[in-house]
Amino acid sequence: MNSAVSFSVVVTNYNYRAFVEEAVDSALAQTRAPLQVIVVDDGSTDGSPALLQQRYGNDPRVTLLLGENGGQLAAFLCGLEVARGDVICFLDADDSWLPGHLAKIGELFDTRKDVDFVFSDLELFGDESGHMRFADRPYDLGYTIVSTYMLAHWYGAPTSALALRAHWARRTLDLPADFRANWRLSADNCLVYGASVLGARKYYLPTGCVRYRIHGNNGWWGNRTRSNEFLNRFRSRCLIQHYARGIGLDESCVEYTKHEFKTKPDPSWREAQRYAMLVRKRHGSWWRNLERAVAILWSVWRRRAQAPLEHRDLD
C-alpha cells in the first residue's frame, strides 16, 4: 500500500496585510491537512508582522518567520530551511486555495512515485476574472529537459499552483547568492525552469482550487513592454544556462528529442509540433530528421483520430 505524502506549505508575504490572513486560512482549511504551514514575512512595512504574530503566534499548525526584506527567492529559501514535508507547496500571500487542493494533488503524489513536480490551473479573481490553464485535461508531461533547454519553454504555472517533492525544491533553489538579487521577483521561474532542466518528471493536474488574485500591485501583464519582454526572456535564458552548466548540458541534447518525446504517454498536438520542430535541429541527414518529425506528428494525429470525440485534444 502506498504511503501518503506529507505537505509543507510555504506562504510568502510582503506588504499584503489585507490578504495574507485569507491565504493562510485557506492552507489551514484543506481537507487534507498539511504537516506544517510556514509563513515567511519578507520584511513587510504595512503592519503584516504584528498581524501575523497576533493571529497565528500561538497556533501550533503555523510556523512564523518574520525577517528582513530579501525578495521572493530569499523568502522561498527561508521557508525551505524549516520545511519537513515530503512535498513543498508555495502560496503567495495575495492568493488562496479552495479546500480540496492538497487532497487532489496529494492523491497524485501518493500513487505516482515517479512524478516530481505538479502544477495546476488558476482561477483569476479580484480586478479581473478568467481561467489560466496549461491544458484542458490532466497531462503527464514526462520529461522536459530538451524542450526547455532548446526552446526555453515554460512547463509550469505561477507560484500558488506549484508543488514539488522536497528534494527537488531544494535542488532547484540551490543558487549562487547573486541570484537572489536577480530573482527578487518571479522566483517561481527558478522552480519551473530548474525542475525541467535538472530532470524532474512533470504533471499538469487541474484542480480548480487555486485562486489567483489580480490587483493593482501584481498585474504583471499590464507592464508588458517590449523592453520588459526582452529582459524577462534574457534573464530566463541565463537561468536555464546556469542549471545546464551544472549538469554538463549543451545543445547536443537535441539528439535525444525523440526519446524525451516518448516519455509523454498522451502528448497534445501542440507538444507534438514542438518536438517535430526540435527533431529537425539534429545533426545528420535532413531527410532522416524530416522522417522523424513526420513520425512524431503522425503518432499523435493517429491517437487523437482514434479517441472518442470528447477526448480529442488537438490544441
C-alpha atoms as a PDB file:
ATOM      1  CA  MET A   1       0.000   0.000   0.000  1.00  0.00           C
ATOM      2  CA  ASN A   2       1.316   3.429  -0.938  1.00  0.00           C
ATOM      3  CA  SER A   3       2.102   5.710   1.995  1.00  0.00           C
ATOM      4  CA  ALA A   4       0.625   9.187   1.980  1.00  0.00           C
ATOM      5  CA  VAL A   5       2.996  12.074   1.372  1.00  0.00           C
ATOM      6  CA  SER A   6       3.105  14.981   3.818  1.00  0.00           C
ATOM      7  CA  PHE A   7       2.905  18.623   2.773  1.00  0.00           C
ATOM      8  CA  SER A   8       4.762  21.729   3.872  1.00  0.00           C
ATOM      9  CA  VAL A   9       3.066  24.898   2.644  1.00  0.00           C
ATOM     10  CA  VAL A  10       5.303  27.960   2.313  1.00  0.00           C
ATOM     11  CA  VAL A  11       3.294  31.197   2.292  1.00  0.00           C
ATOM     12  CA  THR A  12       5.401  34.224   1.338  1.00  0.00           C
ATOM     13  CA  ASN A  13       4.210  37.720   2.243  1.00  0.00           C
ATOM     14  CA  TYR A  14       5.456  41.219   1.519  1.00  0.00           C
ATOM     15  CA  ASN A  15       3.132  44.102   2.354  1.00  0.00           C
ATOM     16  CA  TYR A  16      -0.044  42.095   1.728  1.00  0.00           C
ATOM     17  CA  ARG A  17      -1.609  42.696   5.133  1.00  0.00           C
ATOM     18  CA  ALA A  18      -5.026  42.989   3.510  1.00  0.00           C
ATOM     19  CA  PHE A  19      -4.795  39.499   2.003  1.00  0.00           C
ATOM     20  CA  VAL A  20      -2.397  37.314   3.979  1.00  0.00           C
ATOM     21  CA  GLU A  21      -4.942  36.017   6.509  1.00  0.00           C
ATOM     22  CA  GLU A  22      -7.120  34.681   3.702  1.00  0.00           C
ATOM     23  CA  ALA A  23      -4.120  32.857   2.208  1.00  0.00           C
ATOM     24  CA  VAL A  24      -3.002  31.289   5.500  1.00  0.00           C
ATOM     25  CA  ASP A  25      -6.537  30.338   6.478  1.00  0.00           C
ATOM     26  CA  SER A  26      -7.067  28.643   3.114  1.00  0.00           C
ATOM     27  CA  ALA A  27      -3.975  26.490   3.703  1.00  0.00           C
ATOM     28  CA  LEU A  28      -5.185  25.580   7.192  1.00  0.00           C
ATOM     29  CA  ALA A  29      -8.663  24.719   5.889  1.00  0.00           C
ATOM     30  CA  GLN A  30      -7.504  21.996   3.493  1.00  0.00           C
ATOM     31  CA  THR A  31      -9.422  18.734   3.697  1.00  0.00           C
ATOM     32  CA  ARG A  32      -6.045  17.018   3.581  1.00  0.00           C
ATOM     33  CA  ALA A  33      -4.239  18.891   6.307  1.00  0.00           C
ATOM     34  CA  PRO A  34      -0.638  19.933   5.665  1.00  0.00           C
ATOM     35  CA  LEU A  35       2.065  18.839   8.070  1.00  0.00           C
ATOM     36  CA  GLN A  36       3.007  22.486   8.530  1.00  0.00           C
ATOM     37  CA  VAL A  37       2.136  25.931   7.244  1.00  0.00           C
ATOM     38  CA  ILE A  38       5.207  28.152   7.134  1.00  0.00           C
ATOM     39  CA  VAL A  39       4.549  31.877   6.789  1.00  0.00           C
ATOM     40  CA  VAL A  40       7.559  33.911   5.700  1.00  0.00           C
ATOM     41  CA  ASP A  41       7.177  37.657   6.031  1.00  0.00           C
ATOM     42  CA  ASP A  42       9.786  39.333   3.854  1.00  0.00           C
ATOM     43  CA  GLY A  43      10.293  42.489   5.890  1.00  0.00           C
ATOM     44  CA  SER A  44       6.825  44.000   5.394  1.00  0.00           C
ATOM     45  CA  THR A  45       6.291  47.621   6.454  1.00  0.00           C
ATOM     46  CA  ASP A  46       2.478  47.623   6.393  1.00  0.00           C
ATOM     47  CA  GLY A  47       1.866  46.035   9.787  1.00  0.00           C
ATOM     48  CA  SER A  48       1.840  42.463   8.492  1.00  0.00           C
ATOM     49  CA  PRO A  49       4.321  41.116  11.100  1.00  0.00           C
ATOM     50  CA  ALA A  50       2.218  42.348  14.016  1.00  0.00           C
ATOM     51  CA  LEU A  51      -0.962  40.981  12.452  1.00  0.00           C
ATOM     52  CA  LEU A  52       0.613  37.573  11.796  1.00  0.00           C
ATOM     53  CA  GLN A  53       2.017  37.387  15.303  1.00  0.00           C
ATOM     54  CA  GLN A  54      -1.333  38.278  16.841  1.00  0.00           C
ATOM     55  CA  ARG A  55      -3.353  35.918  14.659  1.00  0.00           C
ATOM     56  CA  TYR A  56      -1.061  32.879  14.390  1.00  0.00           C
ATOM     57  CA  GLY A  57       1.636  33.317  17.026  1.00  0.00           C
ATOM     58  CA  ASN A  58       0.028  30.700  19.303  1.00  0.00           C
ATOM     59  CA  ASP A  59      -1.228  28.384  16.547  1.00  0.00           C
ATOM     60  CA  PRO A  60       0.872  25.176  16.610  1.00  0.00           C
ATOM     61  CA  ARG A  61      -0.008  24.499  12.969  1.00  0.00           C
ATOM     62  CA  VAL A  62       1.763  27.675  11.822  1.00  0.00           C
ATOM     63  CA  THR A  63       5.471  28.479  11.802  1.00  0.00           C
ATOM     64  CA  LEU A  64       6.112  32.226  11.574  1.00  0.00           C
ATOM     65  CA  LEU A  65       9.360  33.505  10.096  1.00  0.00           C
ATOM     66  CA  LEU A  66       9.477  37.279  10.339  1.00  0.00           C
ATOM     67  CA  GLY A  67      12.635  38.666   8.781  1.00  0.00           C
ATOM     68  CA  GLU A  68      14.202  41.404   6.720  1.00  0.00           C
ATOM     69  CA  ASN A  69      13.375  42.170   3.118  1.00  0.00           C
ATOM     70  CA  GLY A  70      15.339  39.954   0.751  1.00  0.00           C
ATOM     71  CA  GLY A  71      12.919  39.250  -2.087  1.00  0.00           C
ATOM     72  CA  GLN A  72      10.862  36.244  -3.129  1.00  0.00           C
ATOM     73  CA  LEU A  73      13.741  33.848  -3.730  1.00  0.00           C
ATOM     74  CA  ALA A  74      15.191  34.595  -0.295  1.00  0.00           C
ATOM     75  CA  ALA A  75      11.748  34.025   1.233  1.00  0.00           C
ATOM     76  CA  PHE A  76      11.449  30.661  -0.547  1.00  0.00           C
ATOM     77  CA  LEU A  77      14.828  29.603   0.836  1.00  0.00           C
ATOM     78  CA  CYS A  78      13.919  30.775   4.323  1.00  0.00           C
ATOM     79  CA  GLY A  79      10.790  28.611   4.277  1.00  0.00           C
ATOM     80  CA  LEU A  80      12.665  25.588   2.935  1.00  0.00           C
ATOM     81  CA  GLU A  81      15.121  25.712   5.815  1.00  0.00           C
ATOM     82  CA  VAL A  82      12.422  24.626   8.259  1.00  0.00           C
ATOM     83  CA  ALA A  83      10.206  22.564   5.917  1.00  0.00           C
ATOM     84  CA  ARG A  84       9.791  18.928   6.979  1.00  0.00           C
ATOM     85  CA  GLY A  85       7.185  17.722   4.489  1.00  0.00           C
ATOM     86  CA  ASP A  86       7.706  15.293   1.627  1.00  0.00           C
ATOM     87  CA  VAL A  87       6.214  17.794  -0.814  1.00  0.00           C
ATOM     88  CA  ILE A  88       6.612  21.581  -0.780  1.00  0.00           C
ATOM     89  CA  CYS A  89       3.750  23.799  -1.964  1.00  0.00           C
ATOM     90  CA  PHE A  90       4.154  27.520  -2.400  1.00  0.00           C
ATOM     91  CA  LEU A  91       1.363  30.042  -1.865  1.00  0.00           C
ATOM     92  CA  ASP A  92       1.590  33.783  -2.475  1.00  0.00           C
ATOM     93  CA  ALA A  93       0.017  35.834   0.306  1.00  0.00           C
ATOM     94  CA  ASP A  94      -2.426  37.533  -2.069  1.00  0.00           C
ATOM     95  CA  ASP A  95      -3.772  34.210  -3.414  1.00  0.00           C
ATOM     96  CA  SER A  96      -5.767  31.405  -1.805  1.00  0.00           C
ATOM     97  CA  TRP A  97      -6.847  27.780  -2.239  1.00  0.00           C
ATOM     98  CA  LEU A  98     -10.205  26.094  -2.098  1.00  0.00           C
ATOM     99  CA  PRO A  99     -10.307  23.283   0.497  1.00  0.00           C
ATOM    100  CA  GLY A 100      -9.721  20.335  -1.856  1.00  0.00           C
ATOM    101  CA  HIS A 101      -6.448  21.431  -3.446  1.00  0.00           C
ATOM    102  CA  LEU A 102      -3.986  19.400  -1.369  1.00  0.00           C
ATOM    103  CA  ALA A 103      -6.242  16.347  -1.423  1.00  0.00           C
ATOM    104  CA  LYS A 104      -6.254  16.294  -5.219  1.00  0.00           C
ATOM    105  CA  ILE A 105      -2.544  16.767  -5.758  1.00  0.00           C
ATOM    106  CA  GLY A 106      -1.791  14.526  -2.782  1.00  0.00           C
ATOM    107  CA  GLU A 107      -3.591  11.606  -4.404  1.00  0.00           C
ATOM    108  CA  LEU A 108      -1.369  12.001  -7.460  1.00  0.00           C
ATOM    109  CA  PHE A 109       1.861  12.201  -5.453  1.00  0.00           C
ATOM    110  CA  ASP A 110       0.748   9.178  -3.385  1.00  0.00           C
ATOM    111  CA  THR A 111       0.106   6.949  -6.381  1.00  0.00           C
ATOM    112  CA  ARG A 112       2.746   8.204  -8.818  1.00  0.00           C
ATOM    113  CA  LYS A 113       6.114   7.919  -7.108  1.00  0.00           C
ATOM    114  CA  ASP A 114       7.788   8.828 -10.399  1.00  0.00           C
ATOM    115  CA  VAL A 115       6.146  12.271 -10.551  1.00  0.00           C
ATOM    116  CA  ASP A 116       8.326  15.019  -9.081  1.00  0.00           C
ATOM    117  CA  PHE A 117       6.584  18.274  -9.974  1.00  0.00           C
ATOM    118  CA  VAL A 118       2.860  19.024 -10.177  1.00  0.00           C
ATOM    119  CA  PHE A 119       1.238  22.258 -11.294  1.00  0.00           C
ATOM    120  CA  SER A 120      -2.373  23.278 -11.566  1.00  0.00           C
ATOM    121  CA  ASP A 121      -4.756  25.707 -13.207  1.00  0.00           C
ATOM    122  CA  LEU A 122      -5.676  29.087 -11.700  1.00  0.00           C
ATOM    123  CA  GLU A 123      -8.964  30.926 -11.344  1.00  0.00           C
ATOM    124  CA  LEU A 124      -8.476  34.696 -11.625  1.00  0.00           C
ATOM    125  CA  PHE A 125     -10.390  36.938  -9.230  1.00  0.00           C
ATOM    126  CA  GLY A 126     -10.233  40.489  -7.930  1.00  0.00           C
ATOM    127  CA  ASP A 127      -9.750  43.159 -10.573  1.00  0.00           C
ATOM    128  CA  GLU A 128     -10.101  40.577 -13.366  1.00  0.00           C
ATOM    129  CA  SER A 129     -11.773  37.232 -13.845  1.00  0.00           C
ATOM    130  CA  GLY A 130     -10.857  34.296 -16.020  1.00  0.00           C
ATOM    131  CA  HIS A 131      -9.030  30.991 -16.035  1.00  0.00           C
ATOM    132  CA  MET A 132      -5.339  30.258 -16.614  1.00  0.00           C
ATOM    133  CA  ARG A 133      -4.760  26.665 -17.727  1.00  0.00           C
ATOM    134  CA  PHE A 134      -1.961  24.703 -19.383  1.00  0.00           C
ATOM    135  CA  ALA A 135      -4.350  22.189 -20.923  1.00  0.00           C
ATOM    136  CA  ASP A 136      -7.986  21.128 -20.650  1.00  0.00           C
ATOM    137  CA  ARG A 137      -7.162  17.769 -19.082  1.00  0.00           C
ATOM    138  CA  PRO A 138      -4.721  16.152 -16.667  1.00  0.00           C
ATOM    139  CA  TYR A 139      -1.475  15.793 -18.559  1.00  0.00           C
ATOM    140  CA  ASP A 140       1.590  13.657 -17.843  1.00  0.00           C
ATOM    141  CA  LEU A 141       4.344  15.741 -19.414  1.00  0.00           C
ATOM    142  CA  GLY A 142       7.079  13.195 -18.812  1.00  0.00           C
ATOM    143  CA  TYR A 143      10.494  14.814 -19.049  1.00  0.00           C
ATOM    144  CA  THR A 144      11.003  18.298 -20.478  1.00  0.00           C
ATOM    145  CA  ILE A 145      14.789  18.762 -20.445  1.00  0.00           C
ATOM    146  CA  VAL A 146      15.389  19.092 -24.180  1.00  0.00           C
ATOM    147  CA  SER A 147      12.356  21.247 -24.907  1.00  0.00           C
ATOM    148  CA  THR A 148      13.155  23.636 -22.058  1.00  0.00           C
ATOM    149  CA  TYR A 149      16.851  23.922 -22.870  1.00  0.00           C
ATOM    150  CA  MET A 150      16.431  24.380 -26.614  1.00  0.00           C
ATOM    151  CA  LEU A 151      13.244  26.488 -26.662  1.00  0.00           C
ATOM    152  CA  ALA A 152      13.029  27.943 -23.130  1.00  0.00           C
ATOM    153  CA  HIS A 153       9.509  26.547 -22.993  1.00  0.00           C
ATOM    154  CA  TRP A 154       7.792  27.148 -19.638  1.00  0.00           C
ATOM    155  CA  TYR A 155       6.195  23.984 -18.287  1.00  0.00           C
ATOM    156  CA  GLY A 156       4.609  25.420 -15.188  1.00  0.00           C
ATOM    157  CA  ALA A 157       2.320  27.957 -13.548  1.00  0.00           C
ATOM    158  CA  PRO A 158       2.592  30.906 -11.154  1.00  0.00           C
ATOM    159  CA  THR A 159       3.781  30.261  -7.599  1.00  0.00           C
ATOM    160  CA  SER A 160       0.499  29.346  -5.916  1.00  0.00           C
ATOM    161  CA  ALA A 161      -0.152  26.450  -8.301  1.00  0.00           C
ATOM    162  CA  LEU A 162       3.241  24.724  -7.854  1.00  0.00           C
ATOM    163  CA  ALA A 163       4.112  21.638  -5.800  1.00  0.00           C
ATOM    164  CA  LEU A 164       7.462  19.788  -5.791  1.00  0.00           C
ATOM    165  CA  ARG A 165       8.895  16.899  -3.873  1.00  0.00           C
ATOM    166  CA  ALA A 166      11.102  18.451  -1.211  1.00  0.00           C
ATOM    167  CA  HIS A 167      14.466  17.384  -2.618  1.00  0.00           C
ATOM    168  CA  TRP A 168      13.550  18.912  -5.973  1.00  0.00           C
ATOM    169  CA  ALA A 169      12.520  22.201  -4.391  1.00  0.00           C
ATOM    170  CA  ARG A 170      15.847  22.384  -2.594  1.00  0.00           C
ATOM    171  CA  ARG A 171      17.816  21.409  -5.675  1.00  0.00           C
ATOM    172  CA  THR A 172      16.196  23.991  -7.934  1.00  0.00           C
ATOM    173  CA  LEU A 173      16.736  26.771  -5.381  1.00  0.00           C
ATOM    174  CA  ASP A 174      20.380  25.886  -4.706  1.00  0.00           C
ATOM    175  CA  LEU A 175      21.585  29.004  -6.491  1.00  0.00           C
ATOM    176  CA  PRO A 176      24.512  31.420  -6.066  1.00  0.00           C
ATOM    177  CA  ALA A 177      23.948  34.357  -3.737  1.00  0.00           C
ATOM    178  CA  ASP A 178      23.827  36.904  -6.567  1.00  0.00           C
ATOM    179  CA  PHE A 179      20.761  35.156  -7.992  1.00  0.00           C
ATOM    180  CA  ARG A 180      18.778  36.428  -5.031  1.00  0.00           C
ATOM    181  CA  ALA A 181      19.112  39.942  -6.429  1.00  0.00           C
ATOM    182  CA  ASN A 182      18.253  38.844  -9.984  1.00  0.00           C
ATOM    183  CA  TRP A 183      15.186  36.924  -8.852  1.00  0.00           C
ATOM    184  CA  ARG A 184      13.789  39.107  -6.075  1.00  0.00           C
ATOM    185  CA  LEU A 185      10.566  38.825  -8.066  1.00  0.00           C
ATOM    186  CA  SER A 186       9.279  35.969 -10.226  1.00  0.00           C
ATOM    187  CA  ALA A 187      11.318  33.386  -8.329  1.00  0.00           C
ATOM    188  CA  ASP A 188       8.797  30.791  -9.494  1.00  0.00           C
ATOM    189  CA  ASN A 189      10.869  30.781 -12.700  1.00  0.00           C
ATOM    190  CA  CYS A 190      13.658  29.153 -10.695  1.00  0.00           C
ATOM    191  CA  LEU A 191      11.320  26.350  -9.652  1.00  0.00           C
ATOM    192  CA  VAL A 192       9.812  25.868 -13.115  1.00  0.00           C
ATOM    193  CA  TYR A 193      12.933  26.095 -15.276  1.00  0.00           C
ATOM    194  CA  GLY A 194      15.195  24.422 -12.737  1.00  0.00           C
ATOM    195  CA  ALA A 195      12.953  21.383 -12.337  1.00  0.00           C
ATOM    196  CA  SER A 196      12.700  20.938 -16.110  1.00  0.00           C
ATOM    197  CA  VAL A 197      16.390  21.288 -16.919  1.00  0.00           C
ATOM    198  CA  LEU A 198      17.584  19.193 -13.975  1.00  0.00           C
ATOM    199  CA  GLY A 199      15.293  16.321 -14.942  1.00  0.00           C
ATOM    200  CA  ALA A 200      12.132  16.329 -12.821  1.00  0.00           C
ATOM    201  CA  ARG A 201       9.139  14.472 -14.227  1.00  0.00           C
ATOM    202  CA  LYS A 202       6.252  16.919 -14.571  1.00  0.00           C
ATOM    203  CA  TYR A 203       2.492  16.539 -14.413  1.00  0.00           C
ATOM    204  CA  TYR A 204      -0.279  19.070 -15.006  1.00  0.00           C
ATOM    205  CA  LEU A 205      -3.283  18.435 -12.761  1.00  0.00           C
ATOM    206  CA  PRO A 206      -6.128  20.975 -12.996  1.00  0.00           C
ATOM    207  CA  THR A 207      -7.646  21.000  -9.510  1.00  0.00           C
ATOM    208  CA  GLY A 208      -9.926  24.016  -9.973  1.00  0.00           C
ATOM    209  CA  CYS A 209      -8.864  25.086  -6.474  1.00  0.00           C
ATOM    210  CA  VAL A 210      -6.180  27.759  -6.933  1.00  0.00           C
ATOM    211  CA  ARG A 211      -7.464  31.342  -6.754  1.00  0.00           C
ATOM    212  CA  TYR A 212      -5.078  33.907  -8.270  1.00  0.00           C
ATOM    213  CA  ARG A 213      -5.855  37.449  -7.201  1.00  0.00           C
ATOM    214  CA  ILE A 214      -5.435  40.289  -9.695  1.00  0.00           C
ATOM    215  CA  HIS A 215      -4.970  43.686  -8.103  1.00  0.00           C
ATOM    216  CA  GLY A 216      -3.043  46.887  -8.610  1.00  0.00           C
ATOM    217  CA  ASN A 217       0.156  45.562  -7.065  1.00  0.00           C
ATOM    218  CA  ASN A 218       0.568  42.409  -9.120  1.00  0.00           C
ATOM    219  CA  GLY A 219      -0.880  42.970 -12.592  1.00  0.00           C
ATOM    220  CA  TRP A 220       2.342  41.913 -14.276  1.00  0.00           C
ATOM    221  CA  TRP A 221       0.813  41.690 -17.747  1.00  0.00           C
ATOM    222  CA  GLY A 222      -0.073  45.359 -17.527  1.00  0.00           C
ATOM    223  CA  ASN A 223       3.650  46.149 -17.804  1.00  0.00           C
ATOM    224  CA  ARG A 224       4.475  44.014 -20.829  1.00  0.00           C
ATOM    225  CA  THR A 225       6.575  46.497 -22.777  1.00  0.00           C
ATOM    226  CA  ARG A 226       8.992  45.320 -25.445  1.00  0.00           C
ATOM    227  CA  SER A 227      11.906  46.136 -23.178  1.00  0.00           C
ATOM    228  CA  ASN A 228      10.474  44.115 -20.303  1.00  0.00           C
ATOM    229  CA  GLU A 229       9.653  41.205 -22.592  1.00  0.00           C
ATOM    230  CA  PHE A 230      13.254  41.167 -23.813  1.00  0.00           C
ATOM    231  CA  LEU A 231      14.725  41.417 -20.323  1.00  0.00           C
ATOM    232  CA  ASN A 232      12.482  38.647 -18.998  1.00  0.00           C
ATOM    233  CA  ARG A 233      13.430  36.329 -21.845  1.00  0.00           C
ATOM    234  CA  PHE A 234      17.118  37.159 -21.466  1.00  0.00           C
ATOM    235  CA  ARG A 235      17.114  36.559 -17.713  1.00  0.00           C
ATOM    236  CA  SER A 236      15.259  33.292 -18.192  1.00  0.00           C
ATOM    237  CA  ARG A 237      17.807  32.111 -20.745  1.00  0.00           C
ATOM    238  CA  CYS A 238      20.630  32.950 -18.351  1.00  0.00           C
ATOM    239  CA  LEU A 239      18.867  30.983 -15.618  1.00  0.00           C
ATOM    240  CA  ILE A 240      18.429  27.964 -17.893  1.00  0.00           C
ATOM    241  CA  GLN A 241      22.094  28.144 -18.872  1.00  0.00           C
ATOM    242  CA  HIS A 242      23.103  28.154 -15.211  1.00  0.00           C
ATOM    243  CA  TYR A 243      21.242  24.930 -14.495  1.00  0.00           C
ATOM    244  CA  ALA A 244      22.528  23.393 -17.719  1.00  0.00           C
ATOM    245  CA  ARG A 245      26.169  24.152 -16.943  1.00  0.00           C
ATOM    246  CA  GLY A 246      25.813  22.446 -13.582  1.00  0.00           C
ATOM    247  CA  ILE A 247      24.953  19.108 -15.210  1.00  0.00           C
ATOM    248  CA  GLY A 248      27.037  19.446 -18.384  1.00  0.00           C
ATOM    249  CA  LEU A 249      24.044  20.014 -20.659  1.00  0.00           C
ATOM    250  CA  ASP A 250      24.512  21.667 -24.047  1.00  0.00           C
ATOM    251  CA  GLU A 251      22.886  21.770 -27.487  1.00  0.00           C
ATOM    252  CA  SER A 252      23.893  18.187 -28.198  1.00  0.00           C
ATOM    253  CA  CYS A 253      20.872  17.224 -26.079  1.00  0.00           C
ATOM    254  CA  VAL A 254      18.742  17.753 -29.206  1.00  0.00           C
ATOM    255  CA  GLU A 255      19.911  14.290 -30.278  1.00  0.00           C
ATOM    256  CA  TYR A 256      17.626  12.884 -27.564  1.00  0.00           C
ATOM    257  CA  THR A 257      14.490  14.709 -28.688  1.00  0.00           C
ATOM    258  CA  LYS A 258      12.684  11.583 -29.898  1.00  0.00           C
ATOM    259  CA  HIS A 259      13.478   9.709 -26.696  1.00  0.00           C
ATOM    260  CA  GLU A 260      12.230  12.546 -24.499  1.00  0.00           C
ATOM    261  CA  PHE A 261       9.026  12.741 -26.513  1.00  0.00           C
ATOM    262  CA  LYS A 262       8.380   9.057 -25.844  1.00  0.00           C
ATOM    263  CA  THR A 263       8.226   9.737 -22.080  1.00  0.00           C
ATOM    264  CA  LYS A 264       4.898  11.526 -22.648  1.00  0.00           C
ATOM    265  CA  PRO A 265       2.105   8.919 -22.554  1.00  0.00           C
ATOM    266  CA  ASP A 266      -0.511  11.060 -24.304  1.00  0.00           C
ATOM    267  CA  PRO A 267       1.069  14.209 -25.772  1.00  0.00           C
ATOM    268  CA  SER A 268      -1.001  17.053 -27.157  1.00  0.00           C
ATOM    269  CA  TRP A 269      -0.887  18.117 -30.781  1.00  0.00           C
ATOM    270  CA  ARG A 270       0.907  21.317 -29.813  1.00  0.00           C
ATOM    271  CA  GLU A 271       3.553  19.322 -27.953  1.00  0.00           C
ATOM    272  CA  ALA A 272       3.979  17.073 -30.999  1.00  0.00           C
ATOM    273  CA  GLN A 273       4.559  20.129 -33.181  1.00  0.00           C
ATOM    274  CA  ARG A 274       7.127  21.416 -30.711  1.00  0.00           C
ATOM    275  CA  TYR A 275       9.094  18.163 -30.749  1.00  0.00           C
ATOM    276  CA  ALA A 276       8.762  17.769 -34.513  1.00  0.00           C
ATOM    277  CA  MET A 277      10.465  21.145 -34.846  1.00  0.00           C
ATOM    278  CA  LEU A 278      13.165  20.115 -32.369  1.00  0.00           C
ATOM    279  CA  VAL A 279      13.979  16.823 -34.044  1.00  0.00           C
ATOM    280  CA  ARG A 280      14.702  18.668 -37.289  1.00  0.00           C
ATOM    281  CA  LYS A 281      17.517  20.514 -35.499  1.00  0.00           C
ATOM    282  CA  ARG A 282      19.508  17.283 -35.095  1.00  0.00           C
ATOM    283  CA  HIS A 283      22.788  16.824 -36.870  1.00  0.00           C
ATOM    284  CA  GLY A 284      22.848  14.429 -39.768  1.00  0.00           C
ATOM    285  CA  SER A 285      20.589  13.791 -42.738  1.00  0.00           C
ATOM    286  CA  TRP A 286      17.891  16.433 -43.170  1.00  0.00           C
ATOM    287  CA  TRP A 287      15.741  13.780 -44.834  1.00  0.00           C
ATOM    288  CA  ARG A 288      16.078  11.426 -41.879  1.00  0.00           C
ATOM    289  CA  ASN A 289      15.248  14.267 -39.480  1.00  0.00           C
ATOM    290  CA  LEU A 290      12.172  15.098 -41.545  1.00  0.00           C
ATOM    291  CA  GLU A 291      11.076  11.476 -41.369  1.00  0.00           C
ATOM    292  CA  ARG A 292      11.366  11.546 -37.585  1.00  0.00           C
ATOM    293  CA  ALA A 293       9.401  14.787 -37.384  1.00  0.00           C
ATOM    294  CA  VAL A 294       6.613  13.345 -39.517  1.00  0.00           C
ATOM    295  CA  ALA A 295       6.598  10.172 -37.387  1.00  0.00           C
ATOM    296  CA  ILE A 296       6.075  12.243 -34.221  1.00  0.00           C
ATOM    297  CA  LEU A 297       3.187  14.169 -35.759  1.00  0.00           C
ATOM    298  CA  TRP A 298       1.631  11.040 -37.245  1.00  0.00           C
ATOM    299  CA  SER A 299       1.734   9.148 -33.957  1.00  0.00           C
ATOM    300  CA  VAL A 300      -0.223  11.866 -32.168  1.00  0.00           C
ATOM    301  CA  TRP A 301      -2.651  12.516 -35.018  1.00  0.00           C
ATOM    302  CA  ARG A 302      -3.496   8.805 -35.248  1.00  0.00           C
ATOM    303  CA  ARG A 303      -4.028   8.524 -31.477  1.00  0.00           C
ATOM    304  CA  ARG A 304      -6.307  11.569 -31.466  1.00  0.00           C
ATOM    305  CA  ALA A 305      -8.256  10.380 -34.506  1.00  0.00           C
ATOM    306  CA  GLN A 306      -8.965   7.068 -32.788  1.00  0.00           C
ATOM    307  CA  ALA A 307     -10.015   8.657 -29.485  1.00  0.00           C
ATOM    308  CA  PRO A 308     -13.678   9.406 -28.675  1.00  0.00           C
ATOM    309  CA  LEU A 309     -14.653  12.860 -29.891  1.00  0.00           C
ATOM    310  CA  GLU A 310     -14.961  14.327 -26.385  1.00  0.00           C
ATOM    311  CA  HIS A 311     -11.418  13.169 -25.519  1.00  0.00           C
ATOM    312  CA  ARG A 312      -9.682  14.568 -28.573  1.00  0.00           C
ATOM    313  CA  ASP A 313      -7.106  17.217 -27.797  1.00  0.00           C
ATOM    314  CA  LEU A 314      -5.729  18.903 -30.903  1.00  0.00           C
ATOM    315  CA  ASP A 315      -4.595  22.080 -29.156  1.00  0.00           C
END
